[in-house]
N, C-alpha and C. Protein backbone atom coordinates (compact mmCIF):
# COMPACT_ATOMS: atom_id res chain seq x y z
N UNK A 1 -175.68 -121.11 123.82
CA UNK A 1 -176.07 -120.19 122.80
C UNK A 1 -175.11 -120.33 121.63
N UNK A 2 -175.65 -120.42 120.47
CA UNK A 2 -174.86 -120.60 119.26
C UNK A 2 -174.69 -119.25 118.59
N UNK A 3 -173.42 -118.92 118.30
CA UNK A 3 -173.11 -117.66 117.64
C UNK A 3 -173.11 -117.92 116.14
N UNK A 4 -173.83 -117.11 115.40
CA UNK A 4 -173.83 -117.30 113.94
C UNK A 4 -172.42 -117.13 113.37
N UNK A 5 -172.24 -117.73 112.24
CA UNK A 5 -170.94 -117.77 111.57
C UNK A 5 -170.43 -116.36 111.26
N UNK A 6 -171.30 -115.49 110.86
CA UNK A 6 -170.90 -114.13 110.49
C UNK A 6 -170.36 -113.35 111.70
N UNK A 7 -170.99 -113.51 112.84
CA UNK A 7 -170.52 -112.82 114.05
C UNK A 7 -169.17 -113.38 114.49
N UNK A 8 -168.96 -114.68 114.32
CA UNK A 8 -167.70 -115.28 114.69
C UNK A 8 -166.56 -114.70 113.84
N UNK A 9 -166.80 -114.54 112.56
CA UNK A 9 -165.79 -113.95 111.69
C UNK A 9 -165.48 -112.51 112.10
N UNK A 10 -166.50 -111.77 112.46
CA UNK A 10 -166.29 -110.40 112.93
C UNK A 10 -165.45 -110.39 114.20
N UNK A 11 -165.75 -111.25 115.14
CA UNK A 11 -165.01 -111.30 116.40
C UNK A 11 -163.55 -111.71 116.16
N UNK A 12 -163.34 -112.68 115.30
CA UNK A 12 -161.98 -113.11 114.99
C UNK A 12 -161.23 -111.98 114.29
N UNK A 13 -161.89 -111.32 113.37
CA UNK A 13 -161.28 -110.19 112.66
C UNK A 13 -160.92 -109.06 113.61
N UNK A 14 -161.83 -108.72 114.52
CA UNK A 14 -161.54 -107.68 115.49
C UNK A 14 -160.41 -108.08 116.43
N UNK A 15 -160.40 -109.34 116.84
CA UNK A 15 -159.32 -109.81 117.72
C UNK A 15 -157.97 -109.74 117.00
N UNK A 16 -157.94 -110.18 115.75
CA UNK A 16 -156.70 -110.10 114.98
C UNK A 16 -156.27 -108.65 114.77
N UNK A 17 -157.22 -107.78 114.53
CA UNK A 17 -156.91 -106.36 114.36
C UNK A 17 -156.33 -105.77 115.65
N UNK A 18 -156.90 -106.14 116.79
CA UNK A 18 -156.38 -105.65 118.07
C UNK A 18 -154.97 -106.17 118.32
N UNK A 19 -154.74 -107.43 118.02
CA UNK A 19 -153.40 -108.00 118.21
C UNK A 19 -152.40 -107.32 117.28
N UNK A 20 -152.79 -107.13 116.03
CA UNK A 20 -151.90 -106.46 115.08
C UNK A 20 -151.61 -105.03 115.52
N UNK A 21 -152.63 -104.34 116.00
CA UNK A 21 -152.45 -102.98 116.48
C UNK A 21 -151.52 -102.95 117.69
N UNK A 22 -151.69 -103.88 118.61
CA UNK A 22 -150.82 -103.94 119.79
C UNK A 22 -149.38 -104.23 119.39
N UNK A 23 -149.19 -105.15 118.44
CA UNK A 23 -147.83 -105.44 117.98
C UNK A 23 -147.22 -104.22 117.28
N UNK A 24 -148.02 -103.48 116.55
CA UNK A 24 -147.53 -102.26 115.91
C UNK A 24 -147.10 -101.22 116.93
N UNK A 25 -147.86 -101.08 118.01
CA UNK A 25 -147.50 -100.13 119.06
C UNK A 25 -146.20 -100.56 119.73
N UNK A 26 -146.05 -101.85 120.01
CA UNK A 26 -144.83 -102.35 120.64
C UNK A 26 -143.64 -102.12 119.72
N UNK A 27 -143.79 -102.41 118.44
CA UNK A 27 -142.70 -102.24 117.49
C UNK A 27 -142.31 -100.77 117.36
N UNK A 28 -143.31 -99.90 117.22
CA UNK A 28 -142.99 -98.46 117.08
C UNK A 28 -142.36 -97.92 118.35
N UNK A 29 -142.77 -98.39 119.52
CA UNK A 29 -142.13 -97.96 120.77
C UNK A 29 -140.68 -98.42 120.82
N UNK A 30 -140.43 -99.65 120.36
CA UNK A 30 -139.07 -100.18 120.34
C UNK A 30 -138.18 -99.35 119.41
N UNK A 31 -138.68 -99.05 118.22
CA UNK A 31 -137.92 -98.26 117.25
C UNK A 31 -137.67 -96.86 117.81
N UNK A 32 -138.67 -96.27 118.45
CA UNK A 32 -138.53 -94.94 119.03
C UNK A 32 -137.44 -94.95 120.11
N UNK A 33 -137.40 -95.95 120.94
CA UNK A 33 -136.37 -96.04 121.98
C UNK A 33 -134.99 -96.23 121.37
N UNK A 34 -134.88 -97.02 120.30
CA UNK A 34 -133.59 -97.18 119.63
C UNK A 34 -133.10 -95.85 119.06
N UNK A 35 -134.00 -95.11 118.41
CA UNK A 35 -133.62 -93.82 117.86
C UNK A 35 -133.24 -92.84 118.96
N UNK A 36 -133.94 -92.88 120.09
CA UNK A 36 -133.61 -91.99 121.20
C UNK A 36 -132.24 -92.33 121.77
N UNK A 37 -131.93 -93.62 121.87
CA UNK A 37 -130.60 -94.03 122.35
C UNK A 37 -129.51 -93.56 121.38
N UNK A 38 -129.78 -93.66 120.09
CA UNK A 38 -128.83 -93.17 119.09
C UNK A 38 -128.65 -91.66 119.21
N UNK A 39 -129.75 -90.95 119.41
CA UNK A 39 -129.69 -89.50 119.59
C UNK A 39 -128.84 -89.14 120.81
N UNK A 40 -129.04 -89.85 121.92
CA UNK A 40 -128.25 -89.58 123.12
C UNK A 40 -126.77 -89.81 122.86
N UNK A 41 -126.45 -90.87 122.14
CA UNK A 41 -125.05 -91.17 121.82
C UNK A 41 -124.45 -90.07 120.95
N UNK A 42 -125.19 -89.62 119.95
CA UNK A 42 -124.70 -88.56 119.07
C UNK A 42 -124.54 -87.24 119.82
N UNK A 43 -125.45 -86.93 120.73
CA UNK A 43 -125.31 -85.72 121.52
C UNK A 43 -124.09 -85.80 122.42
N UNK A 44 -123.82 -86.97 122.96
CA UNK A 44 -122.63 -87.16 123.79
C UNK A 44 -121.36 -86.94 122.97
N UNK A 45 -121.34 -87.46 121.76
CA UNK A 45 -120.20 -87.26 120.87
C UNK A 45 -120.04 -85.79 120.50
N UNK A 46 -121.18 -85.10 120.30
CA UNK A 46 -121.14 -83.68 119.96
C UNK A 46 -120.56 -82.88 121.12
N UNK A 47 -120.96 -83.19 122.34
CA UNK A 47 -120.41 -82.48 123.50
C UNK A 47 -118.91 -82.73 123.64
N UNK A 48 -118.48 -83.97 123.39
CA UNK A 48 -117.05 -84.27 123.46
C UNK A 48 -116.28 -83.50 122.40
N UNK A 49 -116.83 -83.43 121.19
CA UNK A 49 -116.18 -82.67 120.11
C UNK A 49 -116.14 -81.18 120.45
N UNK A 50 -117.21 -80.67 121.06
CA UNK A 50 -117.24 -79.26 121.45
C UNK A 50 -116.19 -78.97 122.52
N UNK A 51 -116.01 -79.88 123.46
CA UNK A 51 -114.98 -79.72 124.49
C UNK A 51 -113.58 -79.73 123.86
N UNK A 52 -113.34 -80.65 122.93
CA UNK A 52 -112.05 -80.70 122.24
C UNK A 52 -111.79 -79.40 121.48
N UNK A 53 -112.81 -78.90 120.80
CA UNK A 53 -112.67 -77.67 120.03
C UNK A 53 -112.35 -76.49 120.95
N UNK A 54 -113.02 -76.42 122.10
CA UNK A 54 -112.75 -75.35 123.05
C UNK A 54 -111.32 -75.42 123.58
N UNK A 55 -110.87 -76.65 123.87
CA UNK A 55 -109.49 -76.80 124.34
C UNK A 55 -108.49 -76.39 123.26
N UNK A 56 -108.77 -76.75 122.01
CA UNK A 56 -107.88 -76.36 120.91
C UNK A 56 -107.84 -74.85 120.72
N UNK A 57 -108.98 -74.19 120.85
CA UNK A 57 -108.99 -72.73 120.74
C UNK A 57 -108.17 -72.08 121.85
N UNK A 58 -108.30 -72.62 123.05
CA UNK A 58 -107.52 -72.09 124.17
C UNK A 58 -106.03 -72.31 123.94
N UNK A 59 -105.68 -73.51 123.45
CA UNK A 59 -104.27 -73.80 123.17
C UNK A 59 -103.73 -72.89 122.07
N UNK A 60 -104.53 -72.68 121.04
CA UNK A 60 -104.10 -71.81 119.95
C UNK A 60 -103.87 -70.38 120.44
N UNK A 61 -104.78 -69.88 121.26
CA UNK A 61 -104.60 -68.52 121.75
C UNK A 61 -103.39 -68.41 122.66
N UNK A 62 -103.10 -69.49 123.41
CA UNK A 62 -101.92 -69.48 124.26
C UNK A 62 -100.64 -69.51 123.43
N UNK A 63 -100.61 -70.35 122.41
CA UNK A 63 -99.40 -70.48 121.58
C UNK A 63 -99.16 -69.25 120.71
N UNK A 64 -100.21 -68.54 120.36
CA UNK A 64 -100.07 -67.40 119.46
C UNK A 64 -100.02 -66.07 120.20
N UNK A 65 -99.84 -66.09 121.51
CA UNK A 65 -99.79 -64.83 122.26
C UNK A 65 -98.56 -64.02 121.84
N UNK A 66 -98.70 -62.72 121.74
CA UNK A 66 -97.59 -61.88 121.27
C UNK A 66 -96.33 -62.03 122.14
N UNK A 67 -96.49 -62.13 123.43
CA UNK A 67 -95.33 -62.27 124.31
C UNK A 67 -94.58 -63.56 124.01
N UNK A 68 -95.28 -64.65 123.80
CA UNK A 68 -94.64 -65.94 123.50
C UNK A 68 -93.92 -65.88 122.16
N UNK A 69 -94.57 -65.30 121.15
CA UNK A 69 -93.96 -65.20 119.83
C UNK A 69 -92.68 -64.37 119.89
N UNK A 70 -92.73 -63.23 120.61
CA UNK A 70 -91.55 -62.38 120.75
C UNK A 70 -90.44 -63.11 121.50
N UNK A 71 -90.80 -63.85 122.52
CA UNK A 71 -89.81 -64.60 123.30
C UNK A 71 -89.12 -65.65 122.45
N UNK A 72 -89.88 -66.41 121.68
CA UNK A 72 -89.29 -67.45 120.82
C UNK A 72 -88.43 -66.81 119.73
N UNK A 73 -88.91 -65.70 119.16
CA UNK A 73 -88.16 -65.04 118.09
C UNK A 73 -86.81 -64.54 118.59
N UNK A 74 -86.77 -63.98 119.79
CA UNK A 74 -85.50 -63.43 120.29
C UNK A 74 -84.60 -64.51 120.85
N UNK A 75 -85.15 -65.46 121.60
CA UNK A 75 -84.30 -66.45 122.28
C UNK A 75 -83.88 -67.60 121.38
N UNK A 76 -84.79 -68.14 120.64
CA UNK A 76 -84.47 -69.34 119.85
C UNK A 76 -84.01 -69.01 118.44
N UNK A 77 -84.57 -67.98 117.85
CA UNK A 77 -84.24 -67.67 116.46
C UNK A 77 -83.23 -66.54 116.32
N UNK A 78 -82.91 -65.87 117.41
CA UNK A 78 -81.93 -64.80 117.36
C UNK A 78 -82.41 -63.57 116.63
N UNK A 79 -83.68 -63.37 116.54
CA UNK A 79 -84.22 -62.20 115.85
C UNK A 79 -84.25 -61.02 116.82
N UNK A 80 -84.29 -59.83 116.27
CA UNK A 80 -84.39 -58.64 117.11
C UNK A 80 -85.30 -57.63 116.43
N UNK A 81 -85.77 -56.70 117.21
CA UNK A 81 -86.61 -55.63 116.67
C UNK A 81 -85.69 -54.64 116.00
N UNK A 82 -85.94 -54.24 114.76
CA UNK A 82 -85.05 -53.29 114.07
C UNK A 82 -85.10 -51.92 114.74
N UNK A 83 -83.97 -51.24 114.70
CA UNK A 83 -83.89 -49.89 115.27
C UNK A 83 -84.58 -48.88 114.38
N UNK A 84 -84.63 -47.65 114.86
CA UNK A 84 -85.31 -46.59 114.12
C UNK A 84 -84.59 -46.26 112.81
N UNK A 85 -83.26 -46.39 112.79
CA UNK A 85 -82.52 -46.04 111.59
C UNK A 85 -82.43 -47.16 110.57
N UNK A 86 -82.98 -48.31 110.88
CA UNK A 86 -82.88 -49.46 109.98
C UNK A 86 -83.98 -49.48 108.92
N UNK A 87 -84.92 -48.56 108.99
CA UNK A 87 -86.00 -48.52 108.01
C UNK A 87 -85.49 -47.96 106.69
N UNK A 88 -85.88 -48.54 105.59
CA UNK A 88 -85.51 -48.07 104.26
C UNK A 88 -86.75 -47.97 103.39
N UNK A 89 -86.82 -46.99 102.59
CA UNK A 89 -87.94 -46.82 101.66
C UNK A 89 -87.43 -47.16 100.29
N UNK A 90 -88.10 -48.04 99.60
CA UNK A 90 -87.69 -48.44 98.26
C UNK A 90 -88.66 -47.80 97.27
N UNK A 91 -88.13 -47.04 96.36
CA UNK A 91 -88.95 -46.36 95.37
C UNK A 91 -88.70 -47.03 94.02
N UNK A 92 -89.72 -47.34 93.32
CA UNK A 92 -89.56 -47.96 91.99
C UNK A 92 -89.84 -46.99 90.90
């Protein structure tokens, strides 16, 4: 059976369209997977940064505790709490 020329062109065109569509799906899937891998990496970095921030907040609260500040002020710097009679009022 002989296929007319016009039908052959249609079949070739449809075949090329299907191949192009399949390649487009493969390419878009590949790009989507690359973006998802990048997203996973960025989320991992965000979690690590959040952990570092939490540790720094804990360290800051430990270093700034009133008991520690008072201890350093009295032992290392020789400071003392002023007595009741040491207060002075300055009037201008």
